[in-house]
Amino acid sequence: MPRCCGLRRGRATRTSLFDSASLVTAAALLDLVSERFVHVVVAACRSAGAAVLFALTYDGRIACTPEDSGDAEVRDLVNRHQRGDKGFGPALGPAAADEAVRQLAAAGFDVDRDRSDWSLAAGDGELQRALIEGWASATIDMAPDRAAIVDGWRARRLAHVDGGTSIIVVGHEDIVGFPNS
């Protein structure tokens, strides 16, 4: 029977978190949590003998079309921002998929992974706007001295959205693991 678990820091134990689970799933989570957090979840899944499916783990790739001179700097600052503490310790950010695969393999899981990128076309303007605004905000948080440059980047990106020419691809990966006997 499906059940949801709250995964607050310090409340999960290896032996009780997923006692009767045969499958543990999470979406858009691993890049927001710490290496230690992933370790606790992997150990709990192994202890329960549960398979895992971790979907939509951000991997640090952002590609925008048409390209802009500010894209690389914004992506780099967003990726630094992703590594901040989101309430679960220092986040793995773009390193999350690699770390989860490493930990699952070390715990005796057969692991596979594949890309599951978000591809946002011209018809996804509202979501593109939200991403651009969020990235600009995160970038300014990381480098307040770059605010004027980021504001110019944001204006150019939003103009592409308004003009119906913007395409944004955000890199994500899905990870599946099966405990081997």
C-alpha atoms as a PDB file:
ATOM      1  CA  MET A   1       0.000   0.000   0.000  1.00  0.00           C
ATOM      2  CA  PRO A   2       1.446   3.435  -0.928  1.00  0.00           C
ATOM      3  CA  ARG A   3       2.387   5.767   1.885  1.00  0.00           C
ATOM      4  CA  CYS A   4       4.130   9.095   2.142  1.00  0.00           C
ATOM      5  CA  CYS A   5       6.934   9.795   4.591  1.00  0.00           C
ATOM      6  CA  GLY A   6       8.112  13.116   5.951  1.00  0.00           C
ATOM      7  CA  LEU A   7      11.876  13.206   5.630  1.00  0.00           C
ATOM      8  CA  ARG A   8      12.955  15.886   8.054  1.00  0.00           C
ATOM      9  CA  ARG A   9      16.547  15.994   9.197  1.00  0.00           C
ATOM     10  CA  GLY A  10      17.202  13.704  12.157  1.00  0.00           C
ATOM     11  CA  ARG A  11      13.794  12.001  12.163  1.00  0.00           C
ATOM     12  CA  ALA A  12      14.535   9.035   9.908  1.00  0.00           C
ATOM     13  CA  THR A  13      16.330   5.929  11.066  1.00  0.00           C
ATOM     14  CA  ARG A  14      17.846   3.270   8.859  1.00  0.00           C
ATOM     15  CA  THR A  15      15.769   0.467  10.287  1.00  0.00           C
ATOM     16  CA  SER A  16      12.338   2.077  10.397  1.00  0.00           C
ATOM     17  CA  LEU A  17      12.044   4.515   7.514  1.00  0.00           C
ATOM     18  CA  PHE A  18      10.846   2.089   4.840  1.00  0.00           C
ATOM     19  CA  ASP A  19      10.263  -1.103   6.865  1.00  0.00           C
ATOM     20  CA  SER A  20       7.705  -2.780   4.632  1.00  0.00           C
ATOM     21  CA  ALA A  21       8.371  -0.933   1.385  1.00  0.00           C
ATOM     22  CA  SER A  22       9.117  -2.781  -1.835  1.00  0.00           C
ATOM     23  CA  LEU A  23       9.619   0.442  -3.811  1.00  0.00           C
ATOM     24  CA  VAL A  24      10.718   3.901  -2.669  1.00  0.00           C
ATOM     25  CA  THR A  25      10.200   6.819  -5.038  1.00  0.00           C
ATOM     26  CA  ALA A  26      11.040  10.489  -4.934  1.00  0.00           C
ATOM     27  CA  ALA A  27      10.865  13.216  -7.553  1.00  0.00           C
ATOM     28  CA  ALA A  28      12.835  16.451  -7.745  1.00  0.00           C
ATOM     29  CA  LEU A  29      14.453  15.746  -4.374  1.00  0.00           C
ATOM     30  CA  LEU A  30      18.031  14.469  -4.519  1.00  0.00           C
ATOM     31  CA  ASP A  31      19.616  17.712  -5.770  1.00  0.00           C
ATOM     32  CA  LEU A  32      18.130  19.509  -2.737  1.00  0.00           C
ATOM     33  CA  VAL A  33      19.507  17.200  -0.040  1.00  0.00           C
ATOM     34  CA  SER A  34      22.909  16.436   1.472  1.00  0.00           C
ATOM     35  CA  GLU A  35      25.245  13.519   0.904  1.00  0.00           C
ATOM     36  CA  ARG A  36      24.393  12.314   4.418  1.00  0.00           C
ATOM     37  CA  PHE A  37      20.676  12.457   3.673  1.00  0.00           C
ATOM     38  CA  VAL A  38      21.146  10.323   0.545  1.00  0.00           C
ATOM     39  CA  HIS A  39      23.204   7.889   2.620  1.00  0.00           C
ATOM     40  CA  VAL A  40      20.399   7.489   5.192  1.00  0.00           C
ATOM     41  CA  VAL A  41      17.765   6.957   2.487  1.00  0.00           C
ATOM     42  CA  VAL A  42      19.928   4.466   0.557  1.00  0.00           C
ATOM     43  CA  ALA A  43      20.727   2.536   3.752  1.00  0.00           C
ATOM     44  CA  ALA A  44      17.041   2.443   4.716  1.00  0.00           C
ATOM     45  CA  CYS A  45      16.089   1.193   1.258  1.00  0.00           C
ATOM     46  CA  ARG A  46      18.786  -1.470   1.383  1.00  0.00           C
ATOM     47  CA  SER A  47      17.691  -2.545   4.860  1.00  0.00           C
ATOM     48  CA  ALA A  48      14.097  -2.900   3.639  1.00  0.00           C
ATOM     49  CA  GLY A  49      15.150  -4.608   0.409  1.00  0.00           C
ATOM     50  CA  ALA A  50      13.258  -1.910  -1.488  1.00  0.00           C
ATOM     51  CA  ALA A  51      13.901  -0.911  -5.072  1.00  0.00           C
ATOM     52  CA  VAL A  52      14.258   2.825  -5.726  1.00  0.00           C
ATOM     53  CA  LEU A  53      13.151   5.253  -8.393  1.00  0.00           C
ATOM     54  CA  PHE A  54      14.496   8.778  -8.053  1.00  0.00           C
ATOM     55  CA  ALA A  55      13.069  10.962 -10.826  1.00  0.00           C
ATOM     56  CA  LEU A  56      13.923  14.458 -12.005  1.00  0.00           C
ATOM     57  CA  THR A  57      17.271  15.001 -10.339  1.00  0.00           C
ATOM     58  CA  TYR A  58      18.737  18.274 -11.650  1.00  0.00           C
ATOM     59  CA  ASP A  59      22.185  17.681 -13.128  1.00  0.00           C
ATOM     60  CA  GLY A  60      23.493  21.200 -13.737  1.00  0.00           C
ATOM     61  CA  ARG A  61      22.772  21.489 -17.454  1.00  0.00           C
ATOM     62  CA  ILE A  62      20.828  24.496 -18.723  1.00  0.00           C
ATOM     63  CA  ALA A  63      20.660  25.283 -22.432  1.00  0.00           C
ATOM     64  CA  CYS A  64      18.807  28.278 -23.800  1.00  0.00           C
ATOM     65  CA  THR A  65      18.007  29.064 -27.422  1.00  0.00           C
ATOM     66  CA  PRO A  66      18.734  31.554 -28.767  1.00  0.00           C
ATOM     67  CA  GLU A  67      21.986  31.708 -26.856  1.00  0.00           C
ATOM     68  CA  ASP A  68      22.911  34.780 -24.833  1.00  0.00           C
ATOM     69  CA  SER A  69      26.306  35.976 -23.659  1.00  0.00           C
ATOM     70  CA  GLY A  70      25.109  35.786 -20.023  1.00  0.00           C
ATOM     71  CA  ASP A  71      23.838  32.197 -20.129  1.00  0.00           C
ATOM     72  CA  ALA A  72      27.040  30.499 -18.911  1.00  0.00           C
ATOM     73  CA  GLU A  73      27.545  32.872 -15.984  1.00  0.00           C
ATOM     74  CA  VAL A  74      23.918  32.563 -14.881  1.00  0.00           C
ATOM     75  CA  ARG A  75      24.070  28.751 -15.131  1.00  0.00           C
ATOM     76  CA  ASP A  76      27.299  28.646 -13.095  1.00  0.00           C
ATOM     77  CA  LEU A  77      25.858  30.875 -10.366  1.00  0.00           C
ATOM     78  CA  VAL A  78      22.570  28.943 -10.312  1.00  0.00           C
ATOM     79  CA  ASN A  79      24.562  25.733  -9.871  1.00  0.00           C
ATOM     80  CA  ARG A  80      26.469  27.274  -6.948  1.00  0.00           C
ATOM     81  CA  HIS A  81      23.153  28.359  -5.439  1.00  0.00           C
ATOM     82  CA  GLN A  82      21.822  24.798  -5.810  1.00  0.00           C
ATOM     83  CA  ARG A  83      24.534  23.605  -3.406  1.00  0.00           C
ATOM     84  CA  GLY A  84      23.226  25.731  -0.535  1.00  0.00           C
ATOM     85  CA  ASP A  85      21.363  24.277   2.440  1.00  0.00           C
ATOM     86  CA  LYS A  86      17.710  23.716   1.543  1.00  0.00           C
ATOM     87  CA  GLY A  87      16.835  22.379   5.002  1.00  0.00           C
ATOM     88  CA  PHE A  88      18.518  18.978   4.637  1.00  0.00           C
ATOM     89  CA  GLY A  89      22.163  20.031   5.029  1.00  0.00           C
ATOM     90  CA  PRO A  90      24.475  21.295   2.266  1.00  0.00           C
ATOM     91  CA  ALA A  91      22.706  20.281  -0.948  1.00  0.00           C
ATOM     92  CA  LEU A  92      24.363  18.071  -3.535  1.00  0.00           C
ATOM     93  CA  GLY A  93      22.937  20.221  -6.331  1.00  0.00           C
ATOM     94  CA  PRO A  94      24.218  19.163  -9.767  1.00  0.00           C
ATOM     95  CA  ALA A  95      26.351  16.391  -8.216  1.00  0.00           C
ATOM     96  CA  ALA A  96      23.300  14.571  -6.796  1.00  0.00           C
ATOM     97  CA  ALA A  97      22.755  11.994  -9.548  1.00  0.00           C
ATOM     98  CA  ASP A  98      26.419  10.938  -9.546  1.00  0.00           C
ATOM     99  CA  GLU A  99      26.453  10.699  -5.754  1.00  0.00           C
ATOM    100  CA  ALA A 100      23.205   8.728  -5.575  1.00  0.00           C
ATOM    101  CA  VAL A 101      24.418   6.260  -8.208  1.00  0.00           C
ATOM    102  CA  ARG A 102      27.715   5.859  -6.334  1.00  0.00           C
ATOM    103  CA  GLN A 103      25.997   5.272  -3.001  1.00  0.00           C
ATOM    104  CA  LEU A 104      23.419   2.873  -4.436  1.00  0.00           C
ATOM    105  CA  ALA A 105      26.112   0.800  -6.163  1.00  0.00           C
ATOM    106  CA  ALA A 106      28.215   0.741  -2.974  1.00  0.00           C
ATOM    107  CA  ALA A 107      25.147  -0.495  -1.046  1.00  0.00           C
ATOM    108  CA  GLY A 108      24.677  -3.398  -3.441  1.00  0.00           C
ATOM    109  CA  PHE A 109      22.066  -2.080  -5.861  1.00  0.00           C
ATOM    110  CA  ASP A 110      22.003  -2.707  -9.588  1.00  0.00           C
ATOM    111  CA  VAL A 111      21.648   0.845 -10.855  1.00  0.00           C
ATOM    112  CA  ASP A 112      20.608   2.453 -14.112  1.00  0.00           C
ATOM    113  CA  ARG A 113      20.149   6.076 -15.015  1.00  0.00           C
ATOM    114  CA  ASP A 114      18.886   8.055 -17.959  1.00  0.00           C
ATOM    115  CA  ARG A 115      18.237  11.654 -18.891  1.00  0.00           C
ATOM    116  CA  SER A 116      14.790  13.092 -18.288  1.00  0.00           C
ATOM    117  CA  ASP A 117      15.347  16.679 -19.382  1.00  0.00           C
ATOM    118  CA  TRP A 118      12.713  19.366 -19.219  1.00  0.00           C
ATOM    119  CA  SER A 119      12.331  20.749 -22.733  1.00  0.00           C
ATOM    120  CA  LEU A 120      10.351  23.965 -22.681  1.00  0.00           C
ATOM    121  CA  ALA A 121       9.209  25.284 -26.061  1.00  0.00           C
ATOM    122  CA  ALA A 122       7.637  28.592 -27.049  1.00  0.00           C
ATOM    123  CA  GLY A 123       4.232  27.430 -25.788  1.00  0.00           C
ATOM    124  CA  ASP A 124       5.650  27.044 -22.272  1.00  0.00           C
ATOM    125  CA  GLY A 125       6.137  30.775 -21.811  1.00  0.00           C
ATOM    126  CA  GLU A 126       4.707  30.996 -18.302  1.00  0.00           C
ATOM    127  CA  LEU A 127       7.023  28.276 -16.991  1.00  0.00           C
ATOM    128  CA  GLN A 128       9.960  29.787 -18.869  1.00  0.00           C
ATOM    129  CA  ARG A 129       9.250  33.160 -17.260  1.00  0.00           C
ATOM    130  CA  ALA A 130       9.144  31.575 -13.799  1.00  0.00           C
ATOM    131  CA  LEU A 131      12.461  29.790 -14.398  1.00  0.00           C
ATOM    132  CA  ILE A 132      14.157  32.915 -15.726  1.00  0.00           C
ATOM    133  CA  GLU A 133      12.920  34.984 -12.772  1.00  0.00           C
ATOM    134  CA  GLY A 134      13.992  32.289 -10.295  1.00  0.00           C
ATOM    135  CA  TRP A 135      17.409  31.898 -11.879  1.00  0.00           C
ATOM    136  CA  ALA A 136      17.928  35.665 -11.913  1.00  0.00           C
ATOM    137  CA  SER A 137      16.998  35.872  -8.234  1.00  0.00           C
ATOM    138  CA  ALA A 138      19.308  32.978  -7.296  1.00  0.00           C
ATOM    139  CA  THR A 139      22.119  34.485  -9.343  1.00  0.00           C
ATOM    140  CA  ILE A 140      21.785  37.857  -7.662  1.00  0.00           C
ATOM    141  CA  ASP A 141      21.742  36.109  -4.262  1.00  0.00           C
ATOM    142  CA  MET A 142      25.084  34.499  -5.156  1.00  0.00           C
ATOM    143  CA  ALA A 143      26.678  37.579  -6.737  1.00  0.00           C
ATOM    144  CA  PRO A 144      24.910  40.818  -5.793  1.00  0.00           C
ATOM    145  CA  ASP A 145      27.625  42.791  -7.551  1.00  0.00           C
ATOM    146  CA  ARG A 146      26.459  41.232 -10.856  1.00  0.00           C
ATOM    147  CA  ALA A 147      22.832  42.434 -10.474  1.00  0.00           C
ATOM    148  CA  ALA A 148      22.968  44.904 -13.374  1.00  0.00           C
ATOM    149  CA  ILE A 149      24.400  42.270 -15.712  1.00  0.00           C
ATOM    150  CA  VAL A 150      21.835  39.706 -14.556  1.00  0.00           C
ATOM    151  CA  ASP A 151      18.998  42.209 -15.015  1.00  0.00           C
ATOM    152  CA  GLY A 152      20.136  42.718 -18.626  1.00  0.00           C
ATOM    153  CA  TRP A 153      20.271  38.954 -19.154  1.00  0.00           C
ATOM    154  CA  ARG A 154      16.775  38.567 -17.665  1.00  0.00           C
ATOM    155  CA  ALA A 155      15.351  41.295 -19.932  1.00  0.00           C
ATOM    156  CA  ARG A 156      16.871  39.706 -23.058  1.00  0.00           C
ATOM    157  CA  ARG A 157      15.672  36.213 -22.071  1.00  0.00           C
ATOM    158  CA  LEU A 158      12.153  37.458 -21.336  1.00  0.00           C
ATOM    159  CA  ALA A 159      12.103  39.272 -24.700  1.00  0.00           C
ATOM    160  CA  HIS A 160      12.795  35.913 -26.395  1.00  0.00           C
ATOM    161  CA  VAL A 161       9.924  34.365 -24.412  1.00  0.00           C
ATOM    162  CA  ASP A 162       7.619  37.231 -25.379  1.00  0.00           C
ATOM    163  CA  GLY A 163       8.703  36.904 -29.009  1.00  0.00           C
ATOM    164  CA  GLY A 164       7.934  33.183 -29.066  1.00  0.00           C
ATOM    165  CA  THR A 165      11.522  32.230 -29.933  1.00  0.00           C
ATOM    166  CA  SER A 166      12.723  30.889 -26.577  1.00  0.00           C
ATOM    167  CA  ILE A 167      13.531  27.246 -25.948  1.00  0.00           C
ATOM    168  CA  ILE A 168      14.961  26.150 -22.596  1.00  0.00           C
ATOM    169  CA  VAL A 169      16.279  22.701 -21.758  1.00  0.00           C
ATOM    170  CA  VAL A 170      16.959  21.923 -18.089  1.00  0.00           C
ATOM    171  CA  GLY A 171      19.022  18.794 -17.491  1.00  0.00           C
ATOM    172  CA  HIS A 172      17.555  16.130 -15.235  1.00  0.00           C
ATOM    173  CA  GLU A 173      18.205  12.454 -14.680  1.00  0.00           C
ATOM    174  CA  ASP A 174      16.123   9.535 -13.449  1.00  0.00           C
ATOM    175  CA  ILE A 175      17.771   6.796 -11.386  1.00  0.00           C
ATOM    176  CA  VAL A 176      16.460   3.304 -10.752  1.00  0.00           C
ATOM    177  CA  GLY A 177      18.055   0.797  -8.393  1.00  0.00           C
ATOM    178  CA  PHE A 178      17.253  -2.815  -7.564  1.00  0.00           C
ATOM    179  CA  PRO A 179      18.850  -4.471  -4.529  1.00  0.00           C
ATOM    180  CA  ASN A 180      20.851  -7.468  -5.652  1.00  0.00           C
ATOM    181  CA  SER A 181      20.546 -10.580  -3.537  1.00  0.00           C
END
